[in-house]
Protein backbone atom coordinates (compact mmCIF):
# COMPACT_ATOMS: atom_id res chain seq x y z
CA SER A 1 -66.58 -50.69 127.84
CA GLU A 2 -68.25 -53.82 127.15
CA GLU A 3 -70.46 -53.73 130.15
CA GLU A 4 -71.94 -50.14 129.00
CA ILE A 5 -72.62 -51.21 125.38
CA ALA A 6 -74.41 -54.14 126.24
CA ASP A 7 -76.40 -51.84 128.62
CA PHE A 8 -77.03 -49.56 126.07
CA VAL A 9 -78.38 -52.38 123.47
CA SER A 10 -80.60 -53.42 126.16
CA LEU A 11 -82.02 -50.54 127.15
CA VAL A 12 -82.52 -49.58 123.11
CA LYS A 13 -84.45 -53.19 122.73
CA GLU A 14 -86.96 -52.64 125.91
CA GLY A 15 -87.81 -49.44 124.00
CA LYS A 16 -86.42 -47.13 126.99
CA ILE A 17 -83.88 -45.43 124.94
CA SER A 18 -85.36 -44.78 121.03
CA LEU A 19 -82.41 -43.98 118.10
CA SER A 20 -82.59 -42.05 115.02
CA ALA A 21 -82.11 -43.62 111.27
CA SER A 22 -80.67 -40.49 110.46
CA TYR A 23 -77.17 -39.42 111.44
CA LEU A 24 -77.29 -35.63 113.05
CA ASN A 25 -79.06 -33.53 111.51
CA MET A 26 -79.18 -32.88 107.30
CA THR A 27 -76.79 -30.09 106.01
CA GLU A 28 -76.89 -29.43 102.15
CA ALA A 29 -73.13 -28.25 103.61
CA ILE A 30 -72.03 -31.76 103.69
CA ASP A 31 -71.06 -33.63 100.01
CA GLY A 32 -73.86 -36.14 99.76
CA GLU A 33 -71.46 -39.15 99.27
CA ILE A 34 -69.30 -38.15 103.07
CA TYR A 35 -72.55 -39.30 104.67
CA THR A 36 -74.26 -41.14 103.02
CA ARG A 37 -70.47 -43.26 104.27
CA ALA A 38 -71.07 -41.71 108.23
CA GLN A 39 -74.31 -42.94 107.88
CA ARG A 40 -73.95 -46.39 106.86
CA ARG A 41 -70.64 -46.70 109.22
CA ILE A 42 -73.19 -46.18 112.14
CA THR A 43 -76.39 -48.26 110.44
CA SER A 44 -73.48 -51.39 110.26
CA ARG A 45 -72.75 -50.56 113.93
CA LEU A 46 -75.95 -50.46 115.33
CA ALA A 47 -76.58 -53.71 113.35
CA SER A 48 -74.11 -55.47 114.15
CA PHE A 49 -75.79 -55.44 117.10
CA GLY A 50 -79.28 -56.28 116.40
CA LEU A 51 -80.37 -52.72 116.07
CA HIS A 52 -81.80 -51.52 113.36
CA PRO A 53 -84.03 -48.27 113.70
CA ASP A 54 -86.01 -47.14 110.71
CA VAL A 55 -87.17 -43.58 111.76
CA ALA A 56 -85.44 -40.74 111.24
CA LEU A 57 -85.50 -37.71 113.71
CA THR A 58 -83.98 -33.97 112.81
CA SER A 59 -85.07 -31.41 114.56
CA ASP A 60 -83.56 -27.43 113.87
CA VAL A 61 -83.95 -28.41 110.42
CA ASN A 62 -86.10 -26.70 107.86
CA GLY A 63 -85.29 -28.06 104.42
CA TYR A 64 -83.63 -31.00 103.09
CA ALA A 65 -81.79 -31.71 100.31
CA TRP A 66 -83.37 -33.64 97.84
CA GLY A 67 -81.53 -36.86 97.51
CA PHE A 68 -82.27 -36.63 101.93
CA CYS A 69 -85.09 -39.07 100.80
CA ASP A 70 -83.20 -41.57 98.82
CA MET A 71 -80.31 -41.49 101.29
CA LEU A 72 -82.55 -42.48 103.79
CA ALA A 73 -84.32 -45.18 102.43
CA ALA A 74 -81.11 -46.70 101.35
CA GLN A 75 -80.22 -46.92 104.92
CA GLY A 76 -83.68 -48.25 106.03
CA ALA A 77 -86.03 -45.38 107.05
CA ARG A 78 -89.15 -45.38 106.49
CA LEU A 79 -90.56 -42.64 107.87
CA LEU A 80 -88.81 -38.67 109.03
CA VAL A 81 -90.20 -36.94 111.98
CA SER A 82 -88.88 -33.24 111.16
CA GLN A 83 -89.28 -31.14 113.97
CA ILE A 84 -88.59 -27.28 112.86
CA ASN A 85 -87.73 -24.12 113.83
CA GLN A 86 -89.91 -21.56 113.42
CA THR A 87 -87.69 -18.65 114.03
CA HIS A 88 -86.09 -19.25 110.96
CA GLY A 89 -88.69 -20.31 108.56
CA HIS A 90 -92.82 -21.38 108.64
CA VAL A 91 -94.39 -25.22 108.87
CA PRO A 92 -94.47 -25.91 105.29
CA PHE A 93 -98.52 -26.36 104.46
CA GLU A 94 -99.34 -23.36 106.54
CA HIS A 95 -100.50 -26.48 109.21
CA PRO A 96 -98.05 -27.59 111.86
CA HIS A 97 -97.91 -31.55 112.58
CA THR A 98 -98.83 -32.29 108.84
CA PRO A 99 -97.63 -35.76 107.42
CA PHE A 100 -96.52 -36.24 103.39
CA LEU A 101 -95.35 -39.28 101.60
CA TRP A 102 -92.18 -37.51 100.02
CA GLU A 103 -90.53 -39.13 96.37
CA GLY A 104 -86.95 -38.57 96.23
CA ALA A 105 -85.18 -38.08 92.91
CA HIS A 106 -84.41 -42.05 92.10
CA GLY A 107 -88.01 -42.59 93.28
CA SER A 108 -87.75 -43.78 97.31
CA ARG A 109 -89.94 -43.15 99.35
CA ILE A 110 -90.58 -42.50 102.53
CA GLY A 111 -93.12 -40.87 105.18
CA VAL A 112 -92.59 -37.75 106.53
CA TRP A 113 -94.13 -36.27 109.75
CA VAL A 114 -93.93 -32.31 109.83
CA SER A 115 -93.78 -31.42 113.64
CA ASP A 116 -94.13 -27.68 115.67
CA HIS A 117 -91.11 -26.25 116.80
CA TYR A 118 -89.01 -28.62 117.82
CA MET A 119 -89.66 -27.14 121.25
CA THR A 120 -92.96 -26.98 121.68
CA GLY A 121 -93.14 -29.73 124.75
CA ASN A 122 -90.78 -27.22 126.43
CA MET A 123 -93.10 -23.87 126.08
CA ILE A 124 -96.20 -26.03 127.51
CA GLY A 125 -94.59 -27.23 130.07
CA LEU A 126 -93.68 -30.98 129.56
CA GLU A 127 -90.26 -30.16 129.98
CA PRO A 128 -89.14 -31.46 133.74
CA VAL A 129 -86.35 -28.76 135.08
CA ALA A 130 -83.00 -30.66 136.42
CA ARG A 131 -83.60 -31.79 139.76
CA ALA A 132 -86.96 -29.97 140.05
CA SER A 133 -90.44 -31.96 141.65
CA SER A 134 -93.57 -32.58 139.59
CA ASP A 135 -94.58 -29.55 141.96
CA ALA A 136 -92.06 -27.20 139.60
CA PHE A 137 -93.03 -27.81 136.01
CA LEU A 138 -96.32 -29.44 136.31
CA PRO A 139 -98.56 -26.41 136.49
CA LYS A 140 -97.84 -24.96 133.51
CA ALA A 141 -98.56 -28.45 132.02
CA GLU A 142 -101.70 -28.18 133.32
CA GLU A 143 -102.45 -24.86 132.31
CA LYS A 144 -100.64 -24.66 128.58
CA VAL A 145 -100.90 -27.95 127.21
CA PRO A 146 -104.70 -27.66 127.24
CA GLU A 147 -104.47 -24.13 125.86
CA TYR A 148 -102.35 -25.32 123.01
CA LEU A 149 -105.06 -28.17 122.32
CA ARG A 150 -107.80 -25.98 121.89
CA ASP A 151 -105.41 -24.22 119.67
CA LEU A 152 -104.98 -26.84 117.56
CA ALA A 153 -108.93 -27.85 117.48
CA ALA A 154 -109.82 -24.82 116.39
CA LYS A 155 -107.29 -24.63 113.32
CA GLY A 156 -109.17 -28.27 112.48
CA TYR A 157 -106.30 -30.38 113.43
CA PRO A 158 -107.71 -34.11 111.98
CA TYR A 159 -105.38 -36.59 114.48
CA SER A 160 -106.12 -38.01 117.79
CA PHE A 161 -102.56 -38.51 118.25
CA LEU A 162 -99.64 -35.57 118.90
CA PRO A 163 -95.40 -35.80 118.68
CA LEU A 164 -94.45 -32.95 120.54
CA GLY A 165 -90.39 -32.11 120.63
CA VAL A 166 -88.89 -31.78 124.56
CA SER A 167 -85.34 -30.68 124.24
CA GLY A 168 -82.89 -29.49 126.36
């Protein structure tokens, strides 16, 4: 309804809901023009509400077609946050949580942050189970989060922030 749309837009503008600048997850099985048309349709609809997401998020995707960079940049994305699936591949550059500047085939550039597995937050206790009190998940997080941070520090993690995926 119009009221639900207004509530949704309000929550996005208040920063309580974030929207990805990418439409679903990229797959090389779809033609670039079809994907671009779908992306433009979504971008136009969001713009009609004054919404202009500029950070793309993908989860469970370990690689992208080279043209994805140019397509994202053309739609206004300045950053891609990629949360990979380490079950199906390895982190690039041998380090989880790696930033780099991606230059596309046609010269567009976007920043990229390649995160750890898209469910790392779940694995270290940051996912509250539905209808569970904080007593049910906080003890796991209190144990696992410091372990995870110590492990990253031992591997030379150089940043003062840590994006973590929580899924499901």
